[in-house]
Protein backbone atom coordinates (compact mmCIF):
# COMPACT_ATOMS: atom_id res chain seq x y z
CA MET A 1 101.36 44.98 102.39
CA ALA A 2 103.49 46.54 105.40
CA MET A 3 105.08 44.56 108.20
CA LYS A 4 104.15 45.91 111.58
CA LYS A 5 106.86 47.53 114.05
CA ARG A 6 107.48 44.91 116.75
CA VAL A 7 107.16 46.84 119.87
CA ARG A 8 110.13 45.73 122.27
CA ARG A 9 108.67 45.36 126.00
CA THR A 10 110.85 46.33 128.94
CA PHE A 11 110.76 45.36 132.35
CA THR A 12 112.00 47.02 135.68
CA GLU A 13 115.16 45.15 137.80
CA ASP A 14 112.44 44.51 140.37
CA PHE A 15 110.08 42.87 138.14
CA LYS A 16 112.89 40.49 136.87
CA LYS A 17 114.34 40.10 140.26
CA THR A 18 110.62 38.96 141.51
CA ALA A 19 110.39 36.66 138.68
CA ALA A 20 113.71 34.90 139.12
CA LYS A 21 113.16 34.47 142.93
CA ARG A 22 110.00 32.88 142.38
CA VAL A 23 112.01 30.73 140.42
CA ALA A 24 114.72 30.00 142.53
CA ASP A 25 112.40 29.45 145.49
CA GLY A 26 111.16 26.30 143.49
CA GLU A 27 108.32 27.53 141.61
CA LYS A 28 108.57 25.91 137.70
CA ALA A 29 109.87 28.23 135.51
CA THR A 30 107.24 27.46 132.92
CA THR A 31 104.55 28.04 135.43
CA VAL A 32 106.23 31.70 136.05
CA ALA A 33 106.82 32.68 132.27
CA LYS A 34 103.67 32.43 131.71
CA ASP A 35 102.09 34.04 134.96
CA VAL A 36 104.10 36.91 134.05
CA GLY A 37 103.95 36.79 130.10
CA VAL A 38 107.25 36.89 129.09
CA SER A 39 109.20 33.59 127.17
CA LEU A 40 110.96 31.01 129.05
CA ASN A 41 113.94 31.97 127.83
CA SER A 42 113.95 35.88 129.20
CA LEU A 43 113.01 33.95 132.34
CA ARG A 44 116.20 32.18 132.44
CA SER A 45 118.83 34.97 131.51
CA TRP A 46 117.02 37.13 134.43
CA LYS A 47 117.70 33.62 136.86
CA GLU A 48 121.29 34.09 135.84
CA LYS A 49 122.06 37.79 135.78
CA PRO A 50 122.70 37.72 139.57
CA SER A 51 125.98 35.21 139.45
CA VAL A 52 127.44 37.35 136.28
CA ASP A 53 126.90 40.52 138.52
CA LYS A 54 128.31 39.05 141.42
CA HIS A 55 131.35 37.96 139.31
CA ARG A 56 131.88 41.21 138.40
CA ALA A 57 131.67 42.80 141.79
CA THR A 58 134.33 40.77 142.98
CA GLY A 59 136.67 41.30 139.86
CA LEU A 60 135.98 37.93 138.15
CA ILE A 61 134.98 39.06 135.15
CA LYS A 62 137.04 41.83 133.78
CA SER A 63 136.61 44.08 130.77
CA ALA A 64 138.35 44.05 127.41
CA VAL A 65 140.29 46.78 127.85
CA THR A 66 141.66 45.91 131.21
CA LEU A 67 142.61 42.40 129.71
CA PHE A 68 144.56 43.82 126.91
CA GLN A 69 146.41 46.26 129.23
CA GLU A 70 147.39 43.36 131.31
CA ASN A 71 148.31 41.26 128.28
CA ALA A 72 150.58 43.81 127.19
CA LEU A 73 152.47 44.45 130.41
CA LEU A 74 153.18 40.59 130.66
CA ARG A 75 154.47 40.51 127.06
CA ALA A 76 156.79 43.37 128.29
CA GLU A 77 157.88 41.67 131.18
CA ASN A 78 158.45 38.07 129.22
CA GLU A 79 160.51 40.08 126.99
CA TYR A 80 162.53 41.53 129.61
CA LEU A 81 162.94 38.36 131.33
CA LYS A 82 164.32 36.65 127.75
CA ARG A 83 166.93 39.49 127.30
CA ARG A 84 167.73 39.01 130.73
CA GLU A 85 168.02 35.22 130.75
CA GLU A 86 169.97 35.85 127.40
CA ILE A 87 172.66 38.01 129.15
CA LEU A 88 173.08 35.57 132.40
CA ARG A 89 174.07 32.94 130.00
CA LYS A 90 176.87 34.74 128.79
């Protein structure tokens, strides 16, 4: 017997924001999830997403590439300072 392929539903950003706002305004998450026809976990992730976007906009969340570059610069600076300290000790 062949398995049916599951169709992944997509929702607009406006739909997600509206549902998340209902929860933020005090409506129970379980009620909103049932009303809009989504899982409670989906609704929770939509509710939490703006905080991640806010941090990304303020620069608190950095990309892996940026962190790698920053780490490389700090390692080079650390090595320079170690050599400098060694020279000054002599």
